[in-house]
Amino acid sequence: MVRLNKIYTRTGDGGDTHLSDGSRCAKSSPRFAAIGAVDELNSALGLTVRVVLDAALRDDLSRIQNELFDLGADLSHPGPDEEKDSPPLRIVLQQVKNLELDIDRMNQQLSPLRSFVLPGGTEAGARLHFARAVCRRAEREALLIPKEQWVNPCALAYLNRLSDYLFVAARYVNASGDDEVLWQPGASRGSKGQSAC
């Protein structure tokens, strides 16, 4: 059980902070950029859950919020783990596979894509699209970590699959009200005879 008696410690005032293995790391490092983006994603999902009407989807999103804390713990503990007496909390393949099962279940109820989808639609759909964009950034940040340190491959796969999940979830909630917004390439360009810039 986590117990926090004091919120501020002053130990990070110089721009670095502790990782969960006790080592220190710059707050500007790729690892902390990824941890911060995962935290931002979790906050975006916290706002999203408030407006999702589908109870099963709300439950899934709440599970994912908990898994994002697992992911943050994973990213905050450099590996590899072979020499550790008590292995740290890591994202595992089953958590990635669960996202795939969720994607397949929702996708079965959706019509095939006819165009790219604009982020919007219902409030829940728009918030899911926003969370998807944050998730993509978290993945990009996490992909920079292996250039400096080890990172759990399942953590990277989880972020990649989660962005797919959030895209399908946005389509799923928008389809229930037929509110999906499709891209119309060049719709506002005007007549063909306009001169170039």
N, C-alpha and C. Protein backbone atom coordinates (compact mmCIF):
# COMPACT_ATOMS: atom_id res chain seq x y z
N MET A 1 0.84 -1.18 0.00
CA MET A 1 0.00 0.00 0.00
C MET A 1 0.88 1.24 0.00
N VAL A 2 0.50 2.20 -0.83
CA VAL A 2 1.22 3.47 -0.90
C VAL A 2 0.76 4.37 0.23
N ARG A 3 1.73 5.03 0.88
CA ARG A 3 1.39 5.96 1.95
C ARG A 3 2.19 7.23 1.76
N LEU A 4 1.49 8.34 1.57
CA LEU A 4 2.13 9.63 1.35
C LEU A 4 1.78 10.55 2.51
N ASN A 5 2.76 10.84 3.35
CA ASN A 5 2.53 11.71 4.49
C ASN A 5 2.80 13.18 4.15
N LYS A 6 3.73 13.38 3.21
CA LYS A 6 4.12 14.74 2.86
C LYS A 6 4.17 14.83 1.34
N ILE A 7 3.55 15.86 0.77
CA ILE A 7 3.48 15.98 -0.68
C ILE A 7 4.73 16.66 -1.24
N TYR A 8 5.21 17.70 -0.60
CA TYR A 8 6.40 18.35 -1.13
C TYR A 8 7.62 17.89 -0.36
N THR A 9 8.74 17.72 -1.10
CA THR A 9 9.99 17.26 -0.48
C THR A 9 11.15 18.21 -0.72
N ARG A 10 11.01 19.08 -1.70
CA ARG A 10 12.05 20.03 -2.12
C ARG A 10 13.24 19.35 -2.80
N THR A 11 13.20 18.03 -2.95
CA THR A 11 14.35 17.33 -3.54
C THR A 11 14.39 17.46 -5.06
N GLY A 12 13.30 17.93 -5.66
CA GLY A 12 13.28 18.08 -7.11
C GLY A 12 13.46 19.50 -7.58
N ASP A 13 13.79 20.40 -6.68
CA ASP A 13 13.90 21.81 -7.05
C ASP A 13 15.02 22.07 -8.06
N GLY A 14 16.01 21.19 -8.12
CA GLY A 14 17.13 21.37 -9.03
C GLY A 14 16.90 20.79 -10.42
N GLY A 15 15.70 20.23 -10.65
CA GLY A 15 15.39 19.73 -11.99
C GLY A 15 15.56 18.23 -12.17
N ASP A 16 15.86 17.53 -11.08
CA ASP A 16 15.89 16.07 -11.18
C ASP A 16 15.05 15.49 -10.05
N THR A 17 14.76 14.20 -10.14
CA THR A 17 13.89 13.56 -9.16
C THR A 17 14.21 12.08 -9.08
N HIS A 18 13.62 11.41 -8.11
CA HIS A 18 13.89 9.98 -7.90
C HIS A 18 13.06 9.12 -8.84
N LEU A 19 13.69 8.09 -9.36
CA LEU A 19 12.95 7.00 -9.98
C LEU A 19 12.58 6.01 -8.89
N SER A 20 11.72 5.05 -9.20
CA SER A 20 11.24 4.15 -8.15
C SER A 20 12.31 3.15 -7.69
N ASP A 21 13.43 3.05 -8.41
CA ASP A 21 14.52 2.18 -7.93
C ASP A 21 15.51 2.94 -7.05
N GLY A 22 15.22 4.22 -6.78
CA GLY A 22 16.08 5.03 -5.92
C GLY A 22 17.08 5.89 -6.67
N SER A 23 17.29 5.62 -7.95
CA SER A 23 18.21 6.44 -8.74
C SER A 23 17.55 7.79 -9.05
N ARG A 24 18.38 8.75 -9.48
CA ARG A 24 17.85 10.06 -9.81
C ARG A 24 17.93 10.27 -11.32
N CYS A 25 17.02 11.09 -11.81
CA CYS A 25 16.88 11.27 -13.25
C CYS A 25 16.43 12.71 -13.50
N ALA A 26 16.91 13.31 -14.59
CA ALA A 26 16.49 14.66 -14.95
C ALA A 26 15.01 14.66 -15.32
N LYS A 27 14.29 15.67 -14.85
CA LYS A 27 12.87 15.78 -15.19
C LYS A 27 12.67 16.06 -16.68
N SER A 28 13.73 16.50 -17.35
CA SER A 28 13.65 16.78 -18.79
C SER A 28 14.01 15.57 -19.64
N SER A 29 14.27 14.43 -19.01
CA SER A 29 14.67 13.23 -19.74
C SER A 29 13.50 12.62 -20.49
N PRO A 30 13.77 11.83 -21.52
CA PRO A 30 12.69 11.14 -22.22
C PRO A 30 11.83 10.27 -21.29
N ARG A 31 12.44 9.65 -20.31
CA ARG A 31 11.68 8.80 -19.39
C ARG A 31 10.63 9.62 -18.64
N PHE A 32 11.05 10.79 -18.14
CA PHE A 32 10.08 11.60 -17.39
C PHE A 32 9.09 12.30 -18.31
N ALA A 33 9.49 12.60 -19.53
CA ALA A 33 8.52 13.14 -20.49
C ALA A 33 7.42 12.12 -20.75
N ALA A 34 7.80 10.85 -20.88
CA ALA A 34 6.81 9.79 -21.10
C ALA A 34 5.92 9.61 -19.87
N ILE A 35 6.52 9.61 -18.69
CA ILE A 35 5.74 9.46 -17.45
C ILE A 35 4.73 10.61 -17.34
N GLY A 36 5.17 11.83 -17.66
CA GLY A 36 4.27 12.97 -17.60
C GLY A 36 3.14 12.87 -18.60
N ALA A 37 3.44 12.40 -19.81
CA ALA A 37 2.40 12.26 -20.83
C ALA A 37 1.40 11.18 -20.44
N VAL A 38 1.87 10.11 -19.81
CA VAL A 38 0.96 9.06 -19.34
C VAL A 38 0.04 9.62 -18.24
N ASP A 39 0.58 10.45 -17.37
CA ASP A 39 -0.23 11.09 -16.33
C ASP A 39 -1.28 12.01 -16.96
N GLU A 40 -0.87 12.77 -17.97
CA GLU A 40 -1.81 13.65 -18.67
C GLU A 40 -2.92 12.83 -19.34
N LEU A 41 -2.54 11.71 -19.95
CA LEU A 41 -3.51 10.82 -20.57
C LEU A 41 -4.51 10.31 -19.55
N ASN A 42 -4.01 9.90 -18.39
CA ASN A 42 -4.90 9.40 -17.34
C ASN A 42 -5.88 10.48 -16.90
N SER A 43 -5.41 11.72 -16.81
CA SER A 43 -6.28 12.83 -16.43
C SER A 43 -7.34 13.07 -17.51
N ALA A 44 -6.94 12.97 -18.78
CA ALA A 44 -7.91 13.12 -19.87
C ALA A 44 -8.98 12.03 -19.81
N LEU A 45 -8.57 10.83 -19.46
CA LEU A 45 -9.55 9.74 -19.34
C LEU A 45 -10.45 9.95 -18.13
N GLY A 46 -9.92 10.53 -17.06
CA GLY A 46 -10.75 10.84 -15.90
C GLY A 46 -11.89 11.79 -16.26
N LEU A 47 -11.61 12.76 -17.13
CA LEU A 47 -12.66 13.66 -17.61
C LEU A 47 -13.62 12.93 -18.55
N THR A 48 -13.08 12.01 -19.33
CA THR A 48 -13.90 11.29 -20.31
C THR A 48 -14.92 10.39 -19.64
N VAL A 49 -14.48 9.66 -18.61
CA VAL A 49 -15.36 8.71 -17.92
C VAL A 49 -16.62 9.41 -17.42
N ARG A 50 -16.50 10.69 -17.08
CA ARG A 50 -17.65 11.44 -16.53
C ARG A 50 -18.79 11.59 -17.52
N VAL A 51 -18.50 11.50 -18.83
CA VAL A 51 -19.55 11.77 -19.82
C VAL A 51 -19.90 10.54 -20.67
N VAL A 52 -19.23 9.41 -20.43
CA VAL A 52 -19.55 8.19 -21.20
C VAL A 52 -20.80 7.56 -20.61
N LEU A 53 -21.80 7.32 -21.46
CA LEU A 53 -23.08 6.77 -21.00
C LEU A 53 -23.07 5.25 -20.93
N ASP A 54 -22.30 4.60 -21.79
CA ASP A 54 -22.24 3.13 -21.84
C ASP A 54 -21.51 2.59 -20.61
N ALA A 55 -22.22 1.82 -19.78
CA ALA A 55 -21.65 1.35 -18.50
C ALA A 55 -20.45 0.44 -18.72
N ALA A 56 -20.53 -0.44 -19.72
CA ALA A 56 -19.41 -1.36 -19.97
C ALA A 56 -18.17 -0.59 -20.41
N LEU A 57 -18.35 0.41 -21.24
CA LEU A 57 -17.21 1.22 -21.68
C LEU A 57 -16.64 2.01 -20.51
N ARG A 58 -17.51 2.55 -19.65
CA ARG A 58 -17.03 3.25 -18.45
C ARG A 58 -16.17 2.32 -17.60
N ASP A 59 -16.62 1.07 -17.43
CA ASP A 59 -15.84 0.11 -16.64
C ASP A 59 -14.49 -0.16 -17.29
N ASP A 60 -14.49 -0.30 -18.63
CA ASP A 60 -13.23 -0.53 -19.34
C ASP A 60 -12.28 0.64 -19.16
N LEU A 61 -12.80 1.86 -19.28
CA LEU A 61 -11.96 3.04 -19.14
C LEU A 61 -11.42 3.18 -17.72
N SER A 62 -12.21 2.80 -16.73
CA SER A 62 -11.73 2.82 -15.35
C SER A 62 -10.62 1.80 -15.15
N ARG A 63 -10.76 0.63 -15.76
CA ARG A 63 -9.69 -0.38 -15.71
C ARG A 63 -8.42 0.16 -16.36
N ILE A 64 -8.59 0.83 -17.50
CA ILE A 64 -7.44 1.38 -18.21
C ILE A 64 -6.77 2.47 -17.38
N GLN A 65 -7.54 3.29 -16.68
CA GLN A 65 -6.93 4.30 -15.80
C GLN A 65 -6.03 3.63 -14.77
N ASN A 66 -6.48 2.53 -14.20
CA ASN A 66 -5.66 1.81 -13.23
C ASN A 66 -4.40 1.25 -13.90
N GLU A 67 -4.58 0.73 -15.13
CA GLU A 67 -3.43 0.19 -15.86
C GLU A 67 -2.44 1.28 -16.22
N LEU A 68 -2.92 2.51 -16.42
CA LEU A 68 -2.00 3.60 -16.70
C LEU A 68 -1.14 3.94 -15.48
N PHE A 69 -1.67 3.71 -14.28
CA PHE A 69 -0.82 3.84 -13.09
C PHE A 69 0.22 2.72 -13.08
N ASP A 70 -0.19 1.50 -13.47
CA ASP A 70 0.78 0.40 -13.63
C ASP A 70 1.87 0.81 -14.62
N LEU A 71 1.44 1.41 -15.72
CA LEU A 71 2.39 1.83 -16.75
C LEU A 71 3.34 2.89 -16.23
N GLY A 72 2.81 3.86 -15.46
CA GLY A 72 3.68 4.87 -14.86
C GLY A 72 4.70 4.25 -13.93
N ALA A 73 4.27 3.25 -13.14
CA ALA A 73 5.19 2.54 -12.25
C ALA A 73 6.26 1.81 -13.06
N ASP A 74 5.83 1.21 -14.17
CA ASP A 74 6.75 0.49 -15.05
C ASP A 74 7.80 1.45 -15.60
N LEU A 75 7.35 2.56 -16.15
CA LEU A 75 8.29 3.51 -16.75
C LEU A 75 9.22 4.15 -15.73
N SER A 76 8.78 4.22 -14.47
CA SER A 76 9.61 4.86 -13.44
C SER A 76 10.65 3.93 -12.85
N HIS A 77 10.71 2.69 -13.33
CA HIS A 77 11.67 1.72 -12.79
C HIS A 77 12.55 1.19 -13.92
N PRO A 78 13.76 1.74 -14.08
CA PRO A 78 14.63 1.26 -15.16
C PRO A 78 14.93 -0.23 -14.99
N GLY A 79 15.10 -0.89 -16.07
CA GLY A 79 15.42 -2.32 -16.05
C GLY A 79 16.77 -2.52 -16.71
N PRO A 80 17.03 -3.73 -17.16
CA PRO A 80 16.15 -4.91 -17.07
C PRO A 80 16.11 -5.47 -15.66
N ASP A 81 15.25 -6.48 -15.47
CA ASP A 81 14.91 -6.94 -14.13
C ASP A 81 15.62 -8.22 -13.69
N GLU A 82 16.47 -8.78 -14.53
CA GLU A 82 17.03 -10.10 -14.23
C GLU A 82 17.76 -10.18 -12.88
N GLU A 83 18.39 -9.07 -12.49
CA GLU A 83 19.19 -9.11 -11.26
C GLU A 83 18.44 -8.59 -10.04
N LYS A 84 17.17 -8.29 -10.19
CA LYS A 84 16.42 -7.72 -9.07
C LYS A 84 15.81 -8.84 -8.21
N ASP A 85 15.93 -8.71 -6.89
CA ASP A 85 15.37 -9.71 -5.96
C ASP A 85 13.85 -9.71 -6.02
N SER A 86 13.24 -8.54 -6.02
CA SER A 86 11.79 -8.46 -6.13
C SER A 86 11.47 -7.62 -7.37
N PRO A 87 11.01 -8.27 -8.44
CA PRO A 87 10.78 -7.55 -9.70
C PRO A 87 9.76 -6.43 -9.53
N PRO A 88 9.98 -5.32 -10.21
CA PRO A 88 9.04 -4.20 -10.14
C PRO A 88 7.76 -4.52 -10.92
N LEU A 89 6.76 -3.69 -10.71
CA LEU A 89 5.50 -3.83 -11.43
C LEU A 89 5.74 -3.50 -12.90
N ARG A 90 5.34 -4.41 -13.77
CA ARG A 90 5.51 -4.21 -15.21
C ARG A 90 4.19 -4.45 -15.93
N ILE A 91 3.98 -3.75 -17.05
CA ILE A 91 2.90 -4.07 -17.97
C ILE A 91 3.23 -5.43 -18.58
N VAL A 92 2.22 -6.28 -18.70
CA VAL A 92 2.44 -7.62 -19.24
C VAL A 92 1.63 -7.79 -20.53
N LEU A 93 1.99 -8.82 -21.29
CA LEU A 93 1.38 -9.06 -22.59
C LEU A 93 -0.14 -9.21 -22.49
N GLN A 94 -0.63 -9.83 -21.41
CA GLN A 94 -2.08 -10.03 -21.29
C GLN A 94 -2.84 -8.70 -21.27
N GLN A 95 -2.24 -7.66 -20.69
CA GLN A 95 -2.90 -6.35 -20.67
C GLN A 95 -3.00 -5.77 -22.09
N VAL A 96 -2.00 -6.04 -22.92
CA VAL A 96 -2.05 -5.63 -24.32
C VAL A 96 -3.13 -6.42 -25.06
N LYS A 97 -3.16 -7.72 -24.81
CA LYS A 97 -4.16 -8.58 -25.47
C LYS A 97 -5.58 -8.21 -25.06
N ASN A 98 -5.77 -7.81 -23.81
CA ASN A 98 -7.10 -7.38 -23.37
C ASN A 98 -7.59 -6.17 -24.16
N LEU A 99 -6.68 -5.25 -24.46
CA LEU A 99 -7.05 -4.10 -25.28
C LEU A 99 -7.46 -4.56 -26.68
N GLU A 100 -6.74 -5.53 -27.21
CA GLU A 100 -7.07 -6.04 -28.54
C GLU A 100 -8.46 -6.69 -28.55
N LEU A 101 -8.77 -7.43 -27.49
CA LEU A 101 -10.10 -8.05 -27.39
C LEU A 101 -11.19 -6.98 -27.31
N ASP A 102 -10.93 -5.92 -26.55
CA ASP A 102 -11.88 -4.81 -26.44
C ASP A 102 -12.08 -4.13 -27.79
N ILE A 103 -10.98 -3.92 -28.51
CA ILE A 103 -11.06 -3.29 -29.83
C ILE A 103 -11.90 -4.14 -30.77
N ASP A 104 -11.63 -5.45 -30.80
CA ASP A 104 -12.37 -6.35 -31.69
C ASP A 104 -13.86 -6.37 -31.36
N ARG A 105 -14.18 -6.36 -30.07
CA ARG A 105 -15.59 -6.39 -29.64
C ARG A 105 -16.33 -5.14 -30.11
N MET A 106 -15.72 -3.96 -29.92
CA MET A 106 -16.37 -2.72 -30.34
C MET A 106 -16.43 -2.63 -31.86
N ASN A 107 -15.34 -3.04 -32.51
CA ASN A 107 -15.25 -2.89 -33.96
C ASN A 107 -16.28 -3.73 -34.70
N GLN A 108 -16.69 -4.86 -34.11
CA GLN A 108 -17.70 -5.71 -34.73
C GLN A 108 -19.03 -4.98 -34.90
N GLN A 109 -19.26 -3.98 -34.09
CA GLN A 109 -20.54 -3.25 -34.13
C GLN A 109 -20.47 -1.98 -34.98
N LEU A 110 -19.32 -1.74 -35.62
CA LEU A 110 -19.13 -0.51 -36.39
C LEU A 110 -19.11 -0.80 -37.89
N SER A 111 -19.60 0.15 -38.66
CA SER A 111 -19.50 0.02 -40.11
C SER A 111 -18.06 0.31 -40.51
N PRO A 112 -17.62 -0.25 -41.65
CA PRO A 112 -16.24 0.01 -42.11
C PRO A 112 -16.01 1.50 -42.35
N LEU A 113 -14.78 1.94 -42.15
CA LEU A 113 -14.44 3.35 -42.39
C LEU A 113 -14.55 3.68 -43.87
N ARG A 114 -15.18 4.80 -44.20
CA ARG A 114 -15.28 5.27 -45.57
C ARG A 114 -14.35 6.46 -45.81
N SER A 115 -13.85 7.03 -44.74
CA SER A 115 -12.98 8.19 -44.83
C SER A 115 -12.23 8.30 -43.50
N PHE A 116 -11.25 9.19 -43.44
CA PHE A 116 -10.65 9.49 -42.15
C PHE A 116 -11.69 10.19 -41.28
N VAL A 117 -11.55 10.03 -39.98
CA VAL A 117 -12.52 10.58 -39.02
C VAL A 117 -11.94 11.82 -38.37
N LEU A 118 -12.72 12.89 -38.33
CA LEU A 118 -12.29 14.09 -37.62
C LEU A 118 -12.56 13.93 -36.13
N PRO A 119 -11.69 14.44 -35.27
CA PRO A 119 -11.93 14.33 -33.83
C PRO A 119 -13.11 15.21 -33.42
N GLY A 120 -14.17 14.60 -32.97
CA GLY A 120 -15.36 15.34 -32.58
C GLY A 120 -16.53 14.41 -32.39
N GLY A 121 -17.71 14.88 -32.78
CA GLY A 121 -18.93 14.10 -32.59
C GLY A 121 -19.56 14.44 -31.26
N THR A 122 -19.93 13.42 -30.49
CA THR A 122 -20.50 13.64 -29.17
C THR A 122 -19.41 14.15 -28.22
N GLU A 123 -19.81 14.64 -27.05
CA GLU A 123 -18.81 15.08 -26.08
C GLU A 123 -17.90 13.93 -25.68
N ALA A 124 -18.48 12.75 -25.45
CA ALA A 124 -17.67 11.58 -25.09
C ALA A 124 -16.73 11.23 -26.22
N GLY A 125 -17.23 11.27 -27.46
CA GLY A 125 -16.38 10.95 -28.61
C GLY A 125 -15.23 11.92 -28.75
N ALA A 126 -15.52 13.22 -28.59
CA ALA A 126 -14.47 14.24 -28.69
C ALA A 126 -13.42 14.05 -27.60
N ARG A 127 -13.86 13.73 -26.39
CA ARG A 127 -12.90 13.53 -25.29
C ARG A 127 -12.06 12.28 -25.52
N LEU A 128 -12.66 11.24 -26.09
CA LEU A 128 -11.89 10.03 -26.41
C LEU A 128 -10.86 10.32 -27.50
N HIS A 129 -11.24 11.12 -28.50
CA HIS A 129 -10.27 11.49 -29.53
C HIS A 129 -9.13 12.32 -28.94
N PHE A 130 -9.47 13.23 -28.01
CA PHE A 130 -8.41 14.01 -27.37
C PHE A 130 -7.46 13.10 -26.59
N ALA A 131 -8.04 12.15 -25.84
CA ALA A 131 -7.21 11.19 -25.10
C ALA A 131 -6.34 10.38 -26.05
N ARG A 132 -6.89 10.03 -27.22
CA ARG A 132 -6.10 9.28 -28.22
C ARG A 132 -4.89 10.10 -28.66
N ALA A 133 -5.08 11.40 -28.89
CA ALA A 133 -3.96 12.24 -29.32
C ALA A 133 -2.90 12.34 -28.22
N VAL A 134 -3.32 12.44 -26.97
CA VAL A 134 -2.37 12.47 -25.85
C VAL A 134 -1.63 11.14 -25.76
N CYS A 135 -2.37 10.04 -26.00
CA CYS A 135 -1.76 8.71 -25.96
C CYS A 135 -0.69 8.57 -27.04
N ARG A 136 -0.96 9.09 -28.23
CA ARG A 136 0.04 9.05 -29.30
C ARG A 136 1.30 9.80 -28.89
N ARG A 137 1.13 10.94 -28.21
CA ARG A 137 2.31 11.69 -27.75
C ARG A 137 3.06 10.90 -26.68
N ALA A 138 2.32 10.29 -25.77
CA ALA A 138 2.97 9.47 -24.74
C ALA A 138 3.79 8.36 -25.38
N GLU A 139 3.24 7.76 -26.43
CA GLU A 139 3.98 6.70 -27.13
C GLU A 139 5.25 7.27 -27.77
N ARG A 140 5.14 8.43 -28.42
CA ARG A 140 6.32 9.02 -29.05
C ARG A 140 7.39 9.33 -28.01
N GLU A 141 6.96 9.85 -26.86
CA GLU A 141 7.93 10.15 -25.78
C GLU A 141 8.59 8.86 -25.29
N ALA A 142 7.78 7.82 -25.09
CA ALA A 142 8.32 6.55 -24.57
C ALA A 142 9.28 5.90 -25.56
N LEU A 143 9.05 6.10 -26.84
CA LEU A 143 9.93 5.50 -27.85
C LEU A 143 11.32 6.12 -27.85
N LEU A 144 11.49 7.27 -27.19
CA LEU A 144 12.82 7.88 -27.08
C LEU A 144 13.63 7.26 -25.94
N ILE A 145 12.98 6.60 -25.00
CA ILE A 145 13.70 6.05 -23.84
C ILE A 145 14.74 5.02 -24.24
N PRO A 146 14.41 4.07 -25.14
CA PRO A 146 15.41 3.03 -25.47
C PRO A 146 16.70 3.58 -26.07
N LYS A 147 16.71 4.82 -26.53
CA LYS A 147 17.95 5.40 -27.04
C LYS A 147 18.94 5.65 -25.91
N GLU A 148 18.44 5.73 -24.66
CA GLU A 148 19.29 5.98 -23.50
C GLU A 148 19.29 4.85 -22.50
N GLN A 149 18.13 4.22 -22.28
CA GLN A 149 17.98 3.21 -21.24
C GLN A 149 17.02 2.12 -21.70
N TRP A 150 17.01 1.03 -20.95
CA TRP A 150 16.08 -0.06 -21.22
C TRP A 150 14.65 0.39 -20.91
N VAL A 151 13.71 -0.13 -21.68
CA VAL A 151 12.29 0.08 -21.40
C VAL A 151 11.56 -1.22 -21.72
N ASN A 152 10.54 -1.52 -20.98
CA ASN A 152 9.75 -2.73 -21.16
C ASN A 152 9.05 -2.70 -22.52
N PRO A 153 9.32 -3.68 -23.40
CA PRO A 153 8.66 -3.68 -24.71
C PRO A 153 7.13 -3.76 -24.61
N CYS A 154 6.61 -4.41 -23.57
CA CYS A 154 5.15 -4.48 -23.39
C CYS A 154 4.57 -3.12 -23.06
N ALA A 155 5.34 -2.26 -22.41
CA ALA A 155 4.87 -0.90 -22.12
C ALA A 155 4.69 -0.13 -23.42
N LEU A 156 5.63 -0.27 -24.34
CA LEU A 156 5.52 0.40 -25.63
C LEU A 156 4.35 -0.16 -26.43
N ALA A 157 4.20 -1.48 -26.42
CA ALA A 157 3.09 -2.10 -27.15
C ALA A 157 1.75 -1.67 -26.55
N TYR A 158 1.69 -1.54 -25.22
CA TYR A 158 0.45 -1.14 -24.56
C TYR A 158 0.02 0.25 -25.03
N LEU A 159 0.96 1.19 -25.08
CA LEU A 159 0.62 2.55 -25.53
C LEU A 159 0.15 2.55 -26.98
N ASN A 160 0.81 1.76 -27.82
CA ASN A 160 0.41 1.69 -29.21
C ASN A 160 -1.00 1.14 -29.36
N ARG A 161 -1.28 0.06 -28.63
CA ARG A 161 -2.61 -0.55 -28.71
C ARG A 161 -3.67 0.33 -28.08
N LEU A 162 -3.31 1.05 -27.00
CA LEU A 162 -4.27 1.91 -26.34
C LEU A 162 -4.73 3.04 -27.25
N SER A 163 -3.84 3.58 -28.04
CA SER A 163 -4.27 4.64 -28.96
C SER A 163 -5.26 4.08 -29.98
N ASP A 164 -5.04 2.85 -30.44
CA ASP A 164 -6.01 2.20 -31.33
C ASP A 164 -7.35 2.00 -30.61
N TYR A 165 -7.27 1.55 -29.37
CA TYR A 165 -8.48 1.34 -28.57
C TYR A 165 -9.27 2.65 -28.45
N LEU A 166 -8.60 3.75 -28.15
CA LEU A 166 -9.29 5.02 -27.94
C LEU A 166 -9.92 5.53 -29.25
N PHE A 167 -9.27 5.27 -30.37
CA PHE A 167 -9.85 5.64 -31.66
C PHE A 167 -11.14 4.85 -31.90
N VAL A 168 -11.09 3.54 -31.68
CA VAL A 168 -12.27 2.70 -31.90
C VAL A 168 -13.36 3.05 -30.88
N ALA A 169 -12.97 3.34 -29.64
CA ALA A 169 -13.96 3.72 -28.62
C ALA A 169 -14.66 5.02 -29.00
N ALA A 170 -13.92 5.97 -29.57
CA ALA A 170 -14.53 7.22 -30.02
C ALA A 170 -15.53 6.94 -31.14
N ARG A 171 -15.16 6.10 -32.07
CA ARG A 171 -16.09 5.72 -33.15
C ARG A 171 -17.31 5.02 -32.57
N TYR A 172 -17.07 4.17 -31.58
CA TYR A 172 -18.15 3.38 -30.96
C TYR A 172 -19.19 4.29 -30.31
N VAL A 173 -18.75 5.28 -29.51
CA VAL A 173 -19.72 6.15 -28.84
C VAL A 173 -20.39 7.09 -29.83
N ASN A 174 -19.67 7.49 -30.88
CA ASN A 174 -20.27 8.36 -31.87
C ASN A 174 -21.24 7.61 -32.77
N ALA A 175 -20.96 6.36 -33.04
CA ALA A 175 -21.85 5.56 -33.90
C ALA A 175 -23.19 5.33 -33.24
N SER A 176 -23.21 5.27 -31.91
CA SER A 176 -24.47 5.02 -31.20
C SER A 176 -25.45 6.17 -31.41
N GLY A 177 -24.93 7.36 -31.72
CA GLY A 177 -25.80 8.50 -32.02
C GLY A 177 -25.63 8.97 -33.45
N ASP A 178 -24.94 8.18 -34.25
CA ASP A 178 -24.66 8.52 -35.65
C ASP A 178 -24.02 9.90 -35.75
N ASP A 179 -23.06 10.17 -34.86
CA ASP A 179 -22.43 11.49 -34.79
C ASP A 179 -21.00 11.52 -35.31
N GLU A 180 -20.57 10.48 -36.01
CA GLU A 180 -19.20 10.46 -36.50
C GLU A 180 -19.01 11.56 -37.55
N VAL A 181 -17.88 12.27 -37.45
CA VAL A 181 -17.58 13.36 -38.38
C VAL A 181 -16.49 12.89 -39.32
N LEU A 182 -16.80 12.81 -40.61
CA LEU A 182 -15.84 12.31 -41.59
C LEU A 182 -15.10 13.46 -42.27
N TRP A 183 -13.85 13.22 -42.59
CA TRP A 183 -13.04 14.18 -43.33
C TRP A 183 -13.55 14.25 -44.77
N GLN A 184 -13.68 15.46 -45.28
CA GLN A 184 -14.05 15.69 -46.68
C GLN A 184 -12.87 16.40 -47.34
N PRO A 185 -11.99 15.65 -47.98
CA PRO A 185 -10.75 16.24 -48.52
C PRO A 185 -11.04 17.43 -49.44
N GLY A 186 -10.42 18.55 -49.15
CA GLY A 186 -10.51 19.74 -50.00
C GLY A 186 -11.87 20.38 -50.08
N ALA A 187 -12.75 20.13 -49.11
CA ALA A 187 -14.13 20.60 -49.20
C ALA A 187 -14.25 22.12 -49.27
N SER A 188 -13.29 22.85 -48.71
CA SER A 188 -13.41 24.31 -48.65
C SER A 188 -12.48 25.01 -49.63
N ARG A 189 -11.99 24.28 -50.64
CA ARG A 189 -11.00 24.87 -51.55
C ARG A 189 -11.62 25.78 -52.59
N GLY A 190 -12.91 25.68 -52.87
CA GLY A 190 -13.54 26.51 -53.89
C GLY A 190 -13.40 25.92 -55.27
N SER A 191 -13.54 26.74 -56.28
CA SER A 191 -13.52 26.24 -57.66
C SER A 191 -12.13 25.82 -58.08
N LYS A 192 -12.09 24.99 -59.12
CA LYS A 192 -10.82 24.46 -59.61
C LYS A 192 -9.94 25.53 -60.25
N GLY A 193 -10.57 26.63 -60.69
CA GLY A 193 -9.82 27.62 -61.45
C GLY A 193 -9.06 28.63 -60.60
N GLN A 194 -9.11 28.50 -59.28
CA GLN A 194 -8.41 29.48 -58.44
C GLN A 194 -6.91 29.39 -58.65
N SER A 195 -6.25 30.55 -58.57
CA SER A 195 -4.80 30.57 -58.77
C SER A 195 -4.09 30.03 -57.55
N ALA A 196 -2.88 29.55 -57.79
CA ALA A 196 -2.06 29.02 -56.69
C ALA A 196 -1.54 30.16 -55.84
N CYS A 197 -1.13 29.83 -54.63
CA CYS A 197 -0.55 30.84 -53.72
C CYS A 197 0.76 31.36 -54.27
